[in-house]
N, C-alpha and C. Protein backbone atom coordinates (compact mmCIF):
# COMPACT_ATOMS: atom_id res chain seq x y z
N UNK A 1 -295.51 1.00 -75.53
CA UNK A 1 -294.96 2.48 -76.69
C UNK A 1 -294.07 3.02 -76.50
N UNK A 2 -293.72 2.76 -74.65
CA UNK A 2 -292.28 3.09 -74.28
C UNK A 2 -291.38 2.43 -74.63
N UNK A 3 -290.33 1.76 -75.15
CA UNK A 3 -289.69 0.68 -75.82
C UNK A 3 -289.68 1.29 -77.39
N UNK A 4 -290.32 2.18 -78.02
CA UNK A 4 -289.16 3.45 -78.76
C UNK A 4 -288.90 4.07 -78.74
N UNK A 5 -289.46 4.95 -77.32
CA UNK A 5 -288.64 6.15 -77.17
C UNK A 5 -287.70 5.78 -76.80
N UNK A 6 -287.14 4.49 -75.71
CA UNK A 6 -285.63 3.77 -74.84
C UNK A 6 -285.01 3.68 -76.54
N UNK A 7 -285.33 3.33 -77.31
CA UNK A 7 -284.47 2.41 -78.33
C UNK A 7 -284.02 3.63 -78.88
N UNK A 8 -284.70 4.82 -79.08
CA UNK A 8 -284.95 5.44 -80.50
C UNK A 8 -283.51 6.74 -79.23
N UNK A 9 -283.75 6.83 -77.73
CA UNK A 9 -282.61 7.54 -77.53
C UNK A 9 -281.95 6.96 -76.97
N UNK A 10 -281.73 4.98 -76.73
CA UNK A 10 -280.84 4.40 -76.68
C UNK A 10 -279.50 4.24 -77.99
N UNK A 11 -280.18 4.88 -78.48
CA UNK A 11 -279.55 5.23 -80.21
C UNK A 11 -279.00 6.20 -80.32
N UNK A 12 -279.82 6.96 -80.23
CA UNK A 12 -278.44 8.64 -80.81
C UNK A 12 -278.07 8.33 -79.32
N UNK A 13 -277.85 7.61 -78.28
CA UNK A 13 -276.51 8.76 -77.11
C UNK A 13 -275.59 7.09 -78.12
N UNK A 14 -276.41 6.89 -78.12
CA UNK A 14 -274.71 5.31 -78.72
C UNK A 14 -274.31 6.36 -79.76
N UNK A 15 -275.11 6.30 -81.01
CA UNK A 15 -274.74 7.33 -82.61
C UNK A 15 -273.21 8.65 -81.95
N UNK A 16 -274.37 8.85 -80.78
CA UNK A 16 -273.80 10.59 -80.17
C UNK A 16 -271.38 10.19 -79.56
N UNK A 17 -271.63 9.21 -78.48
CA UNK A 17 -271.55 8.91 -78.28
C UNK A 17 -270.12 8.37 -79.53
N UNK A 18 -270.37 7.72 -79.83
CA UNK A 18 -269.50 6.13 -80.73
C UNK A 18 -268.72 7.43 -81.22
N UNK A 19 -269.62 8.68 -82.17
CA UNK A 19 -268.61 9.67 -83.50
C UNK A 19 -267.88 10.97 -82.88
N UNK A 20 -268.86 11.06 -81.68
CA UNK A 20 -268.21 11.77 -80.76
C UNK A 20 -266.25 11.27 -80.76
N UNK A 21 -266.27 9.71 -80.00
CA UNK A 21 -264.92 9.33 -79.92
C UNK A 21 -264.28 8.73 -80.80
N UNK A 22 -265.02 8.25 -81.76
CA UNK A 22 -264.57 8.50 -82.83
C UNK A 22 -264.04 9.55 -83.76
N UNK A 23 -264.27 11.05 -83.21
CA UNK A 23 -263.60 12.42 -84.19
C UNK A 23 -262.48 12.48 -83.10
N UNK A 24 -263.15 12.61 -81.56
CA UNK A 24 -261.53 12.39 -80.72
C UNK A 24 -260.30 12.12 -81.31
N UNK A 25 -260.39 11.04 -81.27
CA UNK A 25 -259.44 10.05 -81.62
C UNK A 25 -258.54 10.49 -83.00
N UNK A 26 -259.49 10.50 -83.69
CA UNK A 26 -258.50 11.04 -85.30
C UNK A 26 -258.22 12.42 -85.35
N UNK A 27 -258.12 13.58 -84.64
CA UNK A 27 -257.78 14.77 -84.22
C UNK A 27 -256.81 14.49 -83.02
N UNK A 28 -256.85 14.17 -82.35
CA UNK A 28 -255.42 13.69 -81.12
C UNK A 28 -253.84 13.12 -82.01
N UNK A 29 -254.87 11.94 -83.48
CA UNK A 29 -254.30 11.07 -84.23
C UNK A 29 -253.20 12.82 -84.98
N UNK A 30 -254.28 12.41 -85.29
CA UNK A 30 -253.49 13.38 -86.39
C UNK A 30 -252.66 15.40 -85.83
N UNK A 31 -252.95 15.02 -83.63
CA UNK A 31 -251.41 16.19 -83.30
C UNK A 31 -253.06 17.59 -83.51
N UNK A 32 -254.64 17.47 -84.16
CA UNK A 32 -255.04 18.50 -84.28
C UNK A 32 -255.67 18.73 -83.56
N UNK A 33 -255.67 20.56 -82.45
CA UNK A 33 -256.75 20.90 -81.68
C UNK A 33 -258.25 19.62 -81.30
N UNK A 34 -258.63 19.57 -80.23
CA UNK A 34 -260.20 19.46 -80.49
C UNK A 34 -261.47 20.09 -80.15
N UNK A 35 -260.21 21.23 -79.03
CA UNK A 35 -260.73 22.69 -79.41
C UNK A 35 -260.21 23.69 -78.92
N UNK A 36 -260.71 25.03 -80.21
CA UNK A 36 -259.99 26.26 -79.98
C UNK A 36 -259.46 26.70 -78.53
N UNK A 37 -258.72 27.11 -78.72
CA UNK A 37 -258.31 28.46 -77.22
C UNK A 37 -258.33 27.13 -75.80
N UNK A 38 -257.64 25.72 -75.77
CA UNK A 38 -257.72 25.26 -74.51
C UNK A 38 -256.36 24.05 -74.47
N UNK A 39 -256.49 23.94 -73.44
CA UNK A 39 -254.71 23.03 -73.38
C UNK A 39 -255.41 21.41 -74.82
N UNK A 40 -254.95 20.57 -75.44
CA UNK A 40 -254.99 20.26 -75.54
C UNK A 40 -255.03 18.75 -75.16
N UNK A 41 -254.74 18.64 -73.77
CA UNK A 41 -254.95 17.90 -72.97
C UNK A 41 -256.28 17.11 -72.34
N UNK A 42 -256.10 18.31 -71.90
CA UNK A 42 -258.07 19.06 -71.48
C UNK A 42 -259.03 18.55 -71.70
N UNK A 43 -259.40 19.07 -73.94
CA UNK A 43 -259.97 19.05 -74.66
C UNK A 43 -259.89 17.94 -74.57
N UNK A 44 -258.94 16.75 -75.25
CA UNK A 44 -259.16 15.28 -75.36
C UNK A 44 -259.49 14.64 -73.67
N UNK A 45 -259.30 15.35 -73.00
CA UNK A 45 -259.84 14.00 -72.15
C UNK A 45 -261.46 14.88 -71.64
N UNK A 46 -262.13 16.28 -71.48
CA UNK A 46 -263.47 16.60 -71.37
C UNK A 46 -264.08 15.96 -72.54
N UNK A 47 -263.41 15.44 -73.60
CA UNK A 47 -264.32 15.02 -74.80
C UNK A 47 -264.25 13.82 -75.21
N UNK A 48 -263.26 12.71 -74.03
CA UNK A 48 -263.07 11.57 -73.99
C UNK A 48 -264.21 10.98 -73.17
N UNK A 49 -264.54 11.66 -71.81
CA UNK A 49 -265.34 11.75 -71.52
C UNK A 49 -266.24 11.95 -72.03
N UNK A 50 -266.59 12.37 -72.47
CA UNK A 50 -268.05 13.27 -72.84
C UNK A 50 -268.50 11.98 -73.46
N UNK A 51 -267.66 11.82 -74.79
CA UNK A 51 -267.74 10.30 -75.37
C UNK A 51 -268.69 9.27 -74.57
N UNK A 52 -268.05 8.82 -73.43
CA UNK A 52 -268.02 7.76 -72.81
C UNK A 52 -269.18 7.66 -72.31
N UNK A 53 -269.28 8.53 -71.35
CA UNK A 53 -270.78 8.96 -70.58
C UNK A 53 -271.77 8.97 -72.09
N UNK A 54 -272.01 9.23 -73.17
CA UNK A 54 -273.11 8.78 -73.46
C UNK A 54 -273.37 7.35 -74.56
N UNK A 55 -272.37 7.25 -74.30
CA UNK A 55 -272.17 5.78 -74.26
C UNK A 55 -272.16 4.79 -73.52
N UNK A 56 -272.38 5.18 -72.24
CA UNK A 56 -273.36 4.51 -71.07
C UNK A 56 -274.62 5.00 -70.73
N UNK A 57 -275.10 5.45 -71.41
CA UNK A 57 -276.22 6.18 -71.71
C UNK A 57 -276.98 5.61 -71.93
N UNK A 58 -276.41 5.41 -73.58
CA UNK A 58 -276.86 4.78 -74.66
C UNK A 58 -277.34 2.65 -73.93
N UNK A 59 -276.73 2.79 -73.38
CA UNK A 59 -276.76 1.24 -73.51
C UNK A 59 -277.40 1.12 -71.54
N UNK A 60 -277.36 2.14 -70.92
CA UNK A 60 -278.27 2.01 -70.45
C UNK A 60 -279.97 2.30 -70.45
N UNK A 61 -279.99 3.29 -71.54
CA UNK A 61 -280.69 2.68 -72.54
C UNK A 61 -282.04 1.34 -73.20
N UNK A 62 -280.68 1.23 -74.26
CA UNK A 62 -281.02 0.11 -74.44
C UNK A 62 -281.01 -1.18 -73.77
N UNK A 63 -280.29 -1.40 -72.19
CA UNK A 63 -281.14 -2.43 -71.73
C UNK A 63 -281.55 -2.32 -70.25
N UNK A 64 -282.85 -1.24 -70.41
CA UNK A 64 -284.22 -0.92 -69.89
C UNK A 64 -285.09 -1.47 -71.04
N UNK A 65 -284.91 -2.17 -71.61
CA UNK A 65 -286.64 -2.34 -73.12
C UNK A 65 -287.16 -3.29 -72.21
């Protein structure tokens, strides 16, 4: 029963992290702001770190099966 929860959580984290990483890359590539009212470099950096953290959590959850 616990493996179902780990799979669900891992997939949610991985999808969120991947989506955030793709979205951030697209915004930076088109020279659009990642967050309004914040330094472009700082917002892109924080968003990328959050995406990588979410991907790492997703991988960690999926390896705990």
